[in-house]
Amino acid sequence: MPKALLKIVLCLLFLVSTGTKSAGEFEQWCIADEQTSEDELQAGIDWACGEGGADCSKIQVNKPCYLPNTARDHASYAFNDYYQKFKNNGGTCYFNGAAMITELDPSHNSCHYDFIP
């Protein structure tokens, strides 16, 4: 009986150590770094929403991600939209040091931040 118990314990340890990860463990979003100045954030927004090709329509007045109306919140949305669209083709979450990766979904209220695997 002790051998059977040992085998069960070893099997359980193996399953626990090699278990699959939940989908959320690999999800990442790109957000504005809290230490970045508003001028740097605005420059990042301008680039992401212009030349960068991010869809910034949701951070316009009366749209779901307009509020809170701060450079940090708008930059986070724009940075993430760019990052999700282009990360699989070499796009980064850098924005001259104004951005950072998070594994916590920054979506809030009716403002949904996309995640693309």
Protein backbone atom coordinates (compact mmCIF):
# COMPACT_ATOMS: atom_id res chain seq x y z
CA MET A 1 0.00 0.00 0.00
CA PRO A 2 2.75 2.57 0.74
CA LYS A 3 4.15 2.07 -2.81
CA ALA A 4 0.77 2.81 -4.32
CA LEU A 5 0.42 5.94 -2.20
CA LEU A 6 3.90 7.08 -3.21
CA LYS A 7 3.03 6.60 -6.89
CA ILE A 8 -0.13 8.67 -6.46
CA VAL A 9 1.74 11.45 -4.70
CA LEU A 10 4.44 11.49 -7.40
CA CYS A 11 1.80 11.60 -10.14
CA LEU A 12 0.03 14.48 -8.42
CA LEU A 13 3.29 16.39 -8.02
CA PHE A 14 4.07 15.87 -11.69
CA LEU A 15 0.62 17.13 -12.74
CA VAL A 16 0.88 20.19 -10.52
CA SER A 17 4.36 21.09 -11.74
CA THR A 18 3.53 20.65 -15.45
CA GLY A 19 -0.06 21.86 -15.39
CA THR A 20 -1.32 24.09 -18.14
CA LYS A 21 -1.37 27.81 -17.60
CA SER A 22 -4.61 29.69 -17.81
CA ALA A 23 -5.12 31.95 -20.80
CA GLY A 24 -4.83 35.06 -18.64
CA GLU A 25 -1.26 34.30 -17.61
CA PHE A 26 0.02 35.24 -21.05
CA GLU A 27 -2.10 38.31 -21.69
CA GLN A 28 -0.22 41.60 -21.83
CA TRP A 29 -1.27 45.17 -22.43
CA CYS A 30 0.81 48.27 -23.12
CA ILE A 31 0.08 51.27 -20.88
CA ALA A 32 1.59 54.66 -20.12
CA ASP A 33 4.33 54.66 -17.49
CA GLU A 34 3.18 56.63 -14.43
CA GLN A 35 6.51 58.47 -14.24
CA THR A 36 6.26 59.94 -17.76
CA SER A 37 5.57 63.66 -18.17
CA GLU A 38 2.39 64.86 -19.86
CA ASP A 39 4.42 66.38 -22.71
CA GLU A 40 6.08 63.01 -23.42
CA LEU A 41 2.73 61.24 -23.19
CA GLN A 42 1.17 63.72 -25.63
CA ALA A 43 4.04 63.17 -28.07
CA GLY A 44 3.41 59.42 -27.81
CA ILE A 45 -0.32 59.88 -28.39
CA ASP A 46 0.35 62.08 -31.41
CA TRP A 47 2.67 59.49 -32.93
CA ALA A 48 0.54 56.44 -32.09
CA CYS A 49 -2.68 58.03 -33.37
CA GLY A 50 -0.98 59.44 -36.45
CA GLU A 51 2.02 57.83 -38.08
CA GLY A 52 1.78 54.77 -35.81
CA GLY A 53 -1.63 53.75 -37.13
CA ALA A 54 -3.45 53.21 -33.81
CA ASP A 55 -7.22 53.59 -33.86
CA CYS A 56 -7.79 56.43 -31.41
CA SER A 57 -11.46 56.98 -32.18
CA LYS A 58 -12.50 55.60 -28.77
CA ILE A 59 -10.61 58.33 -26.87
CA GLN A 60 -12.50 61.14 -28.62
CA VAL A 61 -15.18 63.21 -26.85
CA ASN A 62 -18.35 61.21 -26.06
CA LYS A 63 -16.67 57.89 -26.90
CA PRO A 64 -16.24 54.96 -24.44
CA CYS A 65 -12.60 55.69 -23.51
CA TYR A 66 -12.66 59.50 -23.40
CA LEU A 67 -13.09 59.55 -19.62
CA PRO A 68 -11.07 59.95 -17.59
CA ASN A 69 -9.84 62.76 -19.81
CA THR A 70 -6.15 62.61 -18.91
CA ALA A 71 -3.03 62.34 -21.03
CA ARG A 72 -2.07 59.19 -19.12
CA ASP A 73 -5.36 57.42 -19.78
CA HIS A 74 -5.52 58.45 -23.42
CA ALA A 75 -1.88 57.48 -23.94
CA SER A 76 -2.51 54.07 -22.37
CA TYR A 77 -5.36 53.41 -24.76
CA ALA A 78 -3.44 54.63 -27.82
CA PHE A 79 -0.24 52.79 -26.86
CA ASN A 80 -2.13 49.56 -26.31
CA ASP A 81 -4.07 49.81 -29.56
CA TYR A 82 -0.81 50.27 -31.46
CA TYR A 83 0.95 47.49 -29.53
CA GLN A 84 -1.82 44.94 -30.01
CA LYS A 85 -2.04 45.65 -33.74
CA PHE A 86 1.67 45.50 -34.45
CA LYS A 87 3.36 43.40 -31.73
CA ASN A 88 3.37 40.31 -33.94
CA ASN A 89 5.11 42.28 -36.70
CA GLY A 90 7.86 43.96 -34.69
CA GLY A 91 5.85 46.68 -32.93
CA THR A 92 6.96 47.37 -29.37
CA CYS A 93 5.62 48.92 -26.19
CA TYR A 94 8.36 51.51 -25.82
CA PHE A 95 7.25 54.95 -27.03
CA ASN A 96 10.60 56.52 -26.09
CA GLY A 97 10.34 55.09 -22.59
CA ALA A 98 6.83 56.43 -21.99
CA ALA A 99 5.15 53.01 -21.89
CA MET A 100 5.32 49.72 -20.04
CA ILE A 101 3.82 46.23 -20.21
CA THR A 102 1.23 45.10 -17.70
CA GLU A 103 -0.51 41.77 -17.20
CA LEU A 104 -3.47 43.47 -15.51
CA ASP A 105 -6.25 44.29 -17.94
CA PRO A 106 -6.54 48.11 -17.91
CA SER A 107 -10.12 48.05 -19.23
CA HIS A 108 -12.57 50.03 -17.12
CA ASN A 109 -16.29 50.71 -17.23
CA SER A 110 -17.30 50.75 -20.92
CA CYS A 111 -13.71 51.24 -22.09
CA HIS A 112 -12.35 47.93 -23.37
CA TYR A 113 -8.63 47.52 -24.09
CA ASP A 114 -8.05 44.94 -26.80
CA PHE A 115 -5.79 41.97 -26.31
CA ILE A 116 -4.67 40.12 -29.42
CA PRO A 117 -2.75 36.86 -28.90
